[in-house]
């Protein structure tokens, strides 16, 4: 779960702390969407500790950070994958599918079942599925075969001779995989990049640091 971007078009606002119309933090909506996951890795800053702890999924959720911070989405995916490989079971190799989800997708809970149905009903050899909205691939609302993603993370790191995933595009990471395009006619993958997006999706700023204290 990717929760650590700069949010420059939102003036640096912390996306995970933005709230839905009902006052629910976007991070909690994302954790709800991943409700069937046996373990969850949230890749973001340490100040999300309290927000993670306040969600029922906290006992099976790890908070980690890409190194260096703001290294891009693939660096965040690599960090989350590494965190899930910690000694506590189940490690990634024991889980056939991995959900990759950006935290700024308020309707993710309705998107994830479509992804699960797609990979469950897909032909043999399929490496994953992701939503496609208006012809645009939404890589960060996707479910991918664990072994295939592990191989691509290792290969891209070697190819670019860099720290895990830094500066690599998600398209490059997933190149060569057999992926299913899952139509998204209901804008389930719509994300919050700007305040106009936030208004359209019913998202508003969360409480100030003093209110959270």
C-alpha atoms as a PDB file:
ATOM      1  CA  UNK A   1       0.000   0.000   0.000  1.00  0.00           C
ATOM      2  CA  UNK A   2       1.664   3.186  -1.215  1.00  0.00           C
ATOM      3  CA  UNK A   3       1.195   6.089   1.209  1.00  0.00           C
ATOM      4  CA  UNK A   4       4.330   8.191   1.044  1.00  0.00           C
ATOM      5  CA  UNK A   5       4.299  10.547  -1.956  1.00  0.00           C
ATOM      6  CA  UNK A   6       5.054  14.273  -1.841  1.00  0.00           C
ATOM      7  CA  UNK A   7       1.528  15.359  -2.935  1.00  0.00           C
ATOM      8  CA  UNK A   8       2.984  18.484  -4.546  1.00  0.00           C
ATOM      9  CA  UNK A   9      -0.267  19.334  -6.361  1.00  0.00           C
ATOM     10  CA  UNK A  10      -2.018  19.268  -2.994  1.00  0.00           C
ATOM     11  CA  UNK A  11       0.474  21.651  -1.449  1.00  0.00           C
ATOM     12  CA  UNK A  12       2.185  18.822   0.404  1.00  0.00           C
ATOM     13  CA  UNK A  13      -0.953  17.686   2.231  1.00  0.00           C
ATOM     14  CA  UNK A  14      -0.654  14.196   3.691  1.00  0.00           C
ATOM     15  CA  UNK A  15      -2.872  12.115   1.420  1.00  0.00           C
ATOM     16  CA  UNK A  16      -3.329   9.251   3.909  1.00  0.00           C
ATOM     17  CA  UNK A  17      -4.853  11.720   6.384  1.00  0.00           C
ATOM     18  CA  UNK A  18      -7.341  13.270   3.948  1.00  0.00           C
ATOM     19  CA  UNK A  19     -10.906  12.386   4.860  1.00  0.00           C
ATOM     20  CA  UNK A  20     -13.932  11.021   3.057  1.00  0.00           C
ATOM     21  CA  UNK A  21     -17.353  12.627   3.338  1.00  0.00           C
ATOM     22  CA  UNK A  22     -17.910  10.439   6.383  1.00  0.00           C
ATOM     23  CA  UNK A  23     -14.679  11.602   7.997  1.00  0.00           C
ATOM     24  CA  UNK A  24     -12.750   8.380   7.348  1.00  0.00           C
ATOM     25  CA  UNK A  25      -9.015   8.803   6.562  1.00  0.00           C
ATOM     26  CA  UNK A  26      -8.024   7.648   3.088  1.00  0.00           C
ATOM     27  CA  UNK A  27      -5.528   5.279   4.691  1.00  0.00           C
ATOM     28  CA  UNK A  28      -8.366   3.569   6.524  1.00  0.00           C
ATOM     29  CA  UNK A  29     -10.375   3.254   3.313  1.00  0.00           C
ATOM     30  CA  UNK A  30      -7.358   1.600   1.684  1.00  0.00           C
ATOM     31  CA  UNK A  31      -6.931  -0.770   4.628  1.00  0.00           C
ATOM     32  CA  UNK A  32     -10.622  -1.619   4.383  1.00  0.00           C
ATOM     33  CA  UNK A  33     -10.133  -2.407   0.696  1.00  0.00           C
ATOM     34  CA  UNK A  34      -7.351  -4.827   1.586  1.00  0.00           C
ATOM     35  CA  UNK A  35      -9.531  -6.486   4.183  1.00  0.00           C
ATOM     36  CA  UNK A  36      -8.978 -10.048   2.937  1.00  0.00           C
ATOM     37  CA  UNK A  37      -5.172  -9.733   2.914  1.00  0.00           C
ATOM     38  CA  UNK A  38      -3.330 -11.894   5.417  1.00  0.00           C
ATOM     39  CA  UNK A  39      -0.634  -9.243   5.844  1.00  0.00           C
ATOM     40  CA  UNK A  40      -0.449  -5.616   4.757  1.00  0.00           C
ATOM     41  CA  UNK A  41       2.548  -3.347   4.238  1.00  0.00           C
ATOM     42  CA  UNK A  42       1.911   0.394   4.343  1.00  0.00           C
ATOM     43  CA  UNK A  43       4.815   2.273   2.800  1.00  0.00           C
ATOM     44  CA  UNK A  44       4.870   5.777   4.218  1.00  0.00           C
ATOM     45  CA  UNK A  45       6.278   8.075   6.901  1.00  0.00           C
ATOM     46  CA  UNK A  46       6.521   7.216  10.579  1.00  0.00           C
ATOM     47  CA  UNK A  47       3.855   9.765  11.480  1.00  0.00           C
ATOM     48  CA  UNK A  48       1.264   7.345  10.072  1.00  0.00           C
ATOM     49  CA  UNK A  49       1.857   5.035  13.035  1.00  0.00           C
ATOM     50  CA  UNK A  50      -1.152   6.339  14.955  1.00  0.00           C
ATOM     51  CA  UNK A  51      -3.475   6.161  11.949  1.00  0.00           C
ATOM     52  CA  UNK A  52      -2.434   2.572  11.263  1.00  0.00           C
ATOM     53  CA  UNK A  53      -2.833   1.646  14.936  1.00  0.00           C
ATOM     54  CA  UNK A  54      -6.386   3.037  14.965  1.00  0.00           C
ATOM     55  CA  UNK A  55      -7.566   0.591  12.272  1.00  0.00           C
ATOM     56  CA  UNK A  56      -8.770  -2.964  13.034  1.00  0.00           C
ATOM     57  CA  UNK A  57      -6.193  -4.350  10.566  1.00  0.00           C
ATOM     58  CA  UNK A  58      -3.315  -2.948  12.659  1.00  0.00           C
ATOM     59  CA  UNK A  59      -2.222  -6.336  14.099  1.00  0.00           C
ATOM     60  CA  UNK A  60      -1.450  -7.623  10.583  1.00  0.00           C
ATOM     61  CA  UNK A  61      -0.171  -4.347   9.149  1.00  0.00           C
ATOM     62  CA  UNK A  62       3.465  -3.284   8.881  1.00  0.00           C
ATOM     63  CA  UNK A  63       4.560   0.326   8.407  1.00  0.00           C
ATOM     64  CA  UNK A  64       7.748   0.718   6.404  1.00  0.00           C
ATOM     65  CA  UNK A  65       9.512   3.277   4.210  1.00  0.00           C
ATOM     66  CA  UNK A  66      11.336   3.195   0.892  1.00  0.00           C
ATOM     67  CA  UNK A  67      15.039   4.071   0.997  1.00  0.00           C
ATOM     68  CA  UNK A  68      15.596   6.852   0.246  1.00  0.00           C
ATOM     69  CA  UNK A  69      12.191   8.416   0.904  1.00  0.00           C
ATOM     70  CA  UNK A  70      10.339   9.697  -2.180  1.00  0.00           C
ATOM     71  CA  UNK A  71      12.211   7.259  -4.400  1.00  0.00           C
ATOM     72  CA  UNK A  72       9.088   6.670  -6.483  1.00  0.00           C
ATOM     73  CA  UNK A  73       6.296   4.085  -6.596  1.00  0.00           C
ATOM     74  CA  UNK A  74       8.494   1.155  -7.607  1.00  0.00           C
ATOM     75  CA  UNK A  75      10.858   1.872  -4.724  1.00  0.00           C
ATOM     76  CA  UNK A  76       7.805   1.861  -2.463  1.00  0.00           C
ATOM     77  CA  UNK A  77       6.599  -1.432  -3.934  1.00  0.00           C
ATOM     78  CA  UNK A  78      10.046  -2.938  -3.337  1.00  0.00           C
ATOM     79  CA  UNK A  79      10.063  -1.705   0.263  1.00  0.00           C
ATOM     80  CA  UNK A  80       6.621  -3.116   0.947  1.00  0.00           C
ATOM     81  CA  UNK A  81       7.531  -6.419  -0.629  1.00  0.00           C
ATOM     82  CA  UNK A  82      10.701  -6.600   1.485  1.00  0.00           C
ATOM     83  CA  UNK A  83       8.755  -5.827   4.652  1.00  0.00           C
ATOM     84  CA  UNK A  84       6.326  -8.649   3.936  1.00  0.00           C
ATOM     85  CA  UNK A  85       9.327 -10.947   3.591  1.00  0.00           C
ATOM     86  CA  UNK A  86      10.132 -10.509   7.277  1.00  0.00           C
ATOM     87  CA  UNK A  87      10.383 -13.723   9.349  1.00  0.00           C
ATOM     88  CA  UNK A  88       6.788 -13.698  10.555  1.00  0.00           C
ATOM     89  CA  UNK A  89       4.566 -15.909   8.342  1.00  0.00           C
ATOM     90  CA  UNK A  90       3.197 -15.773   5.791  1.00  0.00           C
ATOM     91  CA  UNK A  91       6.115 -14.479   3.727  1.00  0.00           C
ATOM     92  CA  UNK A  92       5.409 -13.404   0.118  1.00  0.00           C
ATOM     93  CA  UNK A  93       6.437 -16.770  -1.308  1.00  0.00           C
ATOM     94  CA  UNK A  94       3.587 -18.364   0.659  1.00  0.00           C
ATOM     95  CA  UNK A  95       0.978 -16.020  -0.819  1.00  0.00           C
ATOM     96  CA  UNK A  96       0.155 -16.408  -4.535  1.00  0.00           C
ATOM     97  CA  UNK A  97      -1.158 -12.873  -5.144  1.00  0.00           C
ATOM     98  CA  UNK A  98      -0.110  -9.407  -3.990  1.00  0.00           C
ATOM     99  CA  UNK A  99      -2.421  -6.389  -4.063  1.00  0.00           C
ATOM    100  CA  UNK A 100      -0.733  -3.124  -5.037  1.00  0.00           C
ATOM    101  CA  UNK A 101      -2.841  -0.158  -4.005  1.00  0.00           C
ATOM    102  CA  UNK A 102      -2.233   3.581  -3.883  1.00  0.00           C
ATOM    103  CA  UNK A 103      -3.646   5.143  -0.726  1.00  0.00           C
ATOM    104  CA  UNK A 104      -5.330   8.008  -2.597  1.00  0.00           C
ATOM    105  CA  UNK A 105      -8.028   5.894  -4.289  1.00  0.00           C
ATOM    106  CA  UNK A 106     -11.174   6.442  -2.174  1.00  0.00           C
ATOM    107  CA  UNK A 107     -13.264   3.836  -4.028  1.00  0.00           C
ATOM    108  CA  UNK A 108     -10.701   1.065  -3.821  1.00  0.00           C
ATOM    109  CA  UNK A 109     -12.998  -1.179  -1.788  1.00  0.00           C
ATOM    110  CA  UNK A 110     -15.217  -1.573  -4.855  1.00  0.00           C
ATOM    111  CA  UNK A 111     -12.243  -2.079  -7.166  1.00  0.00           C
ATOM    112  CA  UNK A 112     -10.495  -4.900  -5.327  1.00  0.00           C
ATOM    113  CA  UNK A 113     -13.265  -7.518  -5.810  1.00  0.00           C
ATOM    114  CA  UNK A 114     -13.078  -6.919  -9.578  1.00  0.00           C
ATOM    115  CA  UNK A 115      -9.355  -7.610  -9.497  1.00  0.00           C
ATOM    116  CA  UNK A 116      -9.821 -10.740  -7.424  1.00  0.00           C
ATOM    117  CA  UNK A 117     -12.499 -12.043  -9.793  1.00  0.00           C
ATOM    118  CA  UNK A 118     -10.257 -11.304 -12.789  1.00  0.00           C
ATOM    119  CA  UNK A 119      -7.266 -13.259 -11.516  1.00  0.00           C
ATOM    120  CA  UNK A 120      -9.461 -16.083 -10.238  1.00  0.00           C
ATOM    121  CA  UNK A 121     -11.143 -16.477 -13.616  1.00  0.00           C
ATOM    122  CA  UNK A 122      -8.125 -15.706 -15.763  1.00  0.00           C
ATOM    123  CA  UNK A 123      -6.489 -18.182 -18.087  1.00  0.00           C
ATOM    124  CA  UNK A 124      -3.476 -20.157 -16.832  1.00  0.00           C
ATOM    125  CA  UNK A 125      -0.227 -18.220 -16.859  1.00  0.00           C
ATOM    126  CA  UNK A 126      -1.748 -14.799 -16.212  1.00  0.00           C
ATOM    127  CA  UNK A 127       0.546 -12.709 -13.998  1.00  0.00           C
ATOM    128  CA  UNK A 128      -1.983 -10.226 -12.731  1.00  0.00           C
ATOM    129  CA  UNK A 129      -4.738  -7.739 -13.394  1.00  0.00           C
ATOM    130  CA  UNK A 130      -5.181  -3.988 -13.090  1.00  0.00           C
ATOM    131  CA  UNK A 131      -7.955  -1.532 -13.713  1.00  0.00           C
ATOM    132  CA  UNK A 132      -8.085   0.478 -16.928  1.00  0.00           C
ATOM    133  CA  UNK A 133      -9.944   3.795 -16.919  1.00  0.00           C
ATOM    134  CA  UNK A 134     -10.583   5.640 -20.196  1.00  0.00           C
ATOM    135  CA  UNK A 135      -7.836   3.658 -21.896  1.00  0.00           C
ATOM    136  CA  UNK A 136      -5.283   4.395 -19.207  1.00  0.00           C
ATOM    137  CA  UNK A 137      -3.727   1.564 -17.208  1.00  0.00           C
ATOM    138  CA  UNK A 138      -4.078   2.025 -13.461  1.00  0.00           C
ATOM    139  CA  UNK A 139      -1.053  -0.001 -12.389  1.00  0.00           C
ATOM    140  CA  UNK A 140      -1.411   1.001  -8.727  1.00  0.00           C
ATOM    141  CA  UNK A 141      -4.865  -0.530  -8.482  1.00  0.00           C
ATOM    142  CA  UNK A 142      -3.759  -4.018  -9.361  1.00  0.00           C
ATOM    143  CA  UNK A 143      -3.253  -7.575  -8.167  1.00  0.00           C
ATOM    144  CA  UNK A 144      -0.109  -9.396  -9.263  1.00  0.00           C
ATOM    145  CA  UNK A 145       1.303 -12.885  -8.993  1.00  0.00           C
ATOM    146  CA  UNK A 146       3.812 -12.866  -6.142  1.00  0.00           C
ATOM    147  CA  UNK A 147       6.491 -14.887  -7.926  1.00  0.00           C
ATOM    148  CA  UNK A 148       6.243 -12.788 -11.076  1.00  0.00           C
ATOM    149  CA  UNK A 149       6.480  -9.512  -9.167  1.00  0.00           C
ATOM    150  CA  UNK A 150       9.442 -10.792  -7.164  1.00  0.00           C
ATOM    151  CA  UNK A 151      11.277 -11.664 -10.380  1.00  0.00           C
ATOM    152  CA  UNK A 152      10.558  -8.278 -11.955  1.00  0.00           C
ATOM    153  CA  UNK A 153      11.713  -6.377  -8.862  1.00  0.00           C
ATOM    154  CA  UNK A 154      14.979  -8.291  -8.887  1.00  0.00           C
ATOM    155  CA  UNK A 155      15.461  -7.871 -12.630  1.00  0.00           C
ATOM    156  CA  UNK A 156      14.797  -4.123 -12.747  1.00  0.00           C
ATOM    157  CA  UNK A 157      17.169  -3.494  -9.868  1.00  0.00           C
ATOM    158  CA  UNK A 158      19.931  -5.342 -11.709  1.00  0.00           C
ATOM    159  CA  UNK A 159      19.112  -3.686 -15.051  1.00  0.00           C
ATOM    160  CA  UNK A 160      19.321  -0.190 -13.626  1.00  0.00           C
ATOM    161  CA  UNK A 161      22.135  -0.847 -11.133  1.00  0.00           C
ATOM    162  CA  UNK A 162      20.340   1.213  -8.510  1.00  0.00           C
ATOM    163  CA  UNK A 163      18.796   0.919  -5.072  1.00  0.00           C
ATOM    164  CA  UNK A 164      15.633  -1.195  -5.130  1.00  0.00           C
ATOM    165  CA  UNK A 165      13.234   0.435  -7.537  1.00  0.00           C
ATOM    166  CA  UNK A 166      14.524   3.996  -7.293  1.00  0.00           C
ATOM    167  CA  UNK A 167      13.612   6.048 -10.349  1.00  0.00           C
ATOM    168  CA  UNK A 168      12.075   3.106 -12.224  1.00  0.00           C
ATOM    169  CA  UNK A 169       8.624   3.495 -13.751  1.00  0.00           C
ATOM    170  CA  UNK A 170       5.813   1.137 -12.834  1.00  0.00           C
ATOM    171  CA  UNK A 171       5.328   0.443 -16.528  1.00  0.00           C
ATOM    172  CA  UNK A 172       8.957  -0.690 -16.718  1.00  0.00           C
ATOM    173  CA  UNK A 173       8.605  -2.844 -13.627  1.00  0.00           C
ATOM    174  CA  UNK A 174       5.614  -4.705 -15.035  1.00  0.00           C
ATOM    175  CA  UNK A 175       6.852  -4.988 -18.616  1.00  0.00           C
ATOM    176  CA  UNK A 176       6.834  -8.528 -19.936  1.00  0.00           C
ATOM    177  CA  UNK A 177       4.134  -9.728 -17.540  1.00  0.00           C
ATOM    178  CA  UNK A 178       0.871 -11.147 -18.851  1.00  0.00           C
ATOM    179  CA  UNK A 179      -1.684  -8.801 -17.350  1.00  0.00           C
ATOM    180  CA  UNK A 180      -5.450  -8.610 -17.650  1.00  0.00           C
ATOM    181  CA  UNK A 181      -7.066  -5.246 -18.327  1.00  0.00           C
ATOM    182  CA  UNK A 182     -10.084  -4.850 -16.049  1.00  0.00           C
ATOM    183  CA  UNK A 183     -12.491  -2.147 -17.321  1.00  0.00           C
ATOM    184  CA  UNK A 184     -13.240   0.626 -14.861  1.00  0.00           C
ATOM    185  CA  UNK A 185     -16.408   2.329 -16.143  1.00  0.00           C
ATOM    186  CA  UNK A 186     -17.326   3.587 -12.678  1.00  0.00           C
ATOM    187  CA  UNK A 187     -14.111   5.529 -11.993  1.00  0.00           C
ATOM    188  CA  UNK A 188     -13.291   3.175  -9.134  1.00  0.00           C
ATOM    189  CA  UNK A 189      -9.592   3.860  -9.664  1.00  0.00           C
ATOM    190  CA  UNK A 190      -9.972   7.660  -9.577  1.00  0.00           C
ATOM    191  CA  UNK A 191      -7.289   9.128  -7.335  1.00  0.00           C
ATOM    192  CA  UNK A 192      -6.735  12.376  -5.478  1.00  0.00           C
ATOM    193  CA  UNK A 193      -3.937  14.266  -7.208  1.00  0.00           C
ATOM    194  CA  UNK A 194      -5.390  17.780  -6.989  1.00  0.00           C
ATOM    195  CA  UNK A 195      -7.904  19.643  -4.845  1.00  0.00           C
ATOM    196  CA  UNK A 196     -10.317  19.489  -7.785  1.00  0.00           C
ATOM    197  CA  UNK A 197      -9.991  15.698  -7.662  1.00  0.00           C
ATOM    198  CA  UNK A 198     -10.600  15.822  -3.932  1.00  0.00           C
ATOM    199  CA  UNK A 199     -13.773  17.869  -4.361  1.00  0.00           C
ATOM    200  CA  UNK A 200     -15.081  15.563  -7.081  1.00  0.00           C
ATOM    201  CA  UNK A 201     -14.470  12.523  -4.879  1.00  0.00           C
ATOM    202  CA  UNK A 202     -15.861  14.056  -1.704  1.00  0.00           C
ATOM    203  CA  UNK A 203     -12.479  14.212   0.002  1.00  0.00           C
ATOM    204  CA  UNK A 204     -11.419  17.005   2.345  1.00  0.00           C
ATOM    205  CA  UNK A 205      -8.428  17.850   4.558  1.00  0.00           C
ATOM    206  CA  UNK A 206      -8.093  15.934   7.783  1.00  0.00           C
ATOM    207  CA  UNK A 207      -7.733  17.471  11.242  1.00  0.00           C
ATOM    208  CA  UNK A 208      -4.761  19.647  12.048  1.00  0.00           C
ATOM    209  CA  UNK A 209      -1.850  18.190  14.062  1.00  0.00           C
ATOM    210  CA  UNK A 210      -3.217  19.922  17.185  1.00  0.00           C
ATOM    211  CA  UNK A 211      -6.642  18.335  16.685  1.00  0.00           C
ATOM    212  CA  UNK A 212      -5.041  14.913  16.226  1.00  0.00           C
ATOM    213  CA  UNK A 213      -2.962  15.260  19.409  1.00  0.00           C
END
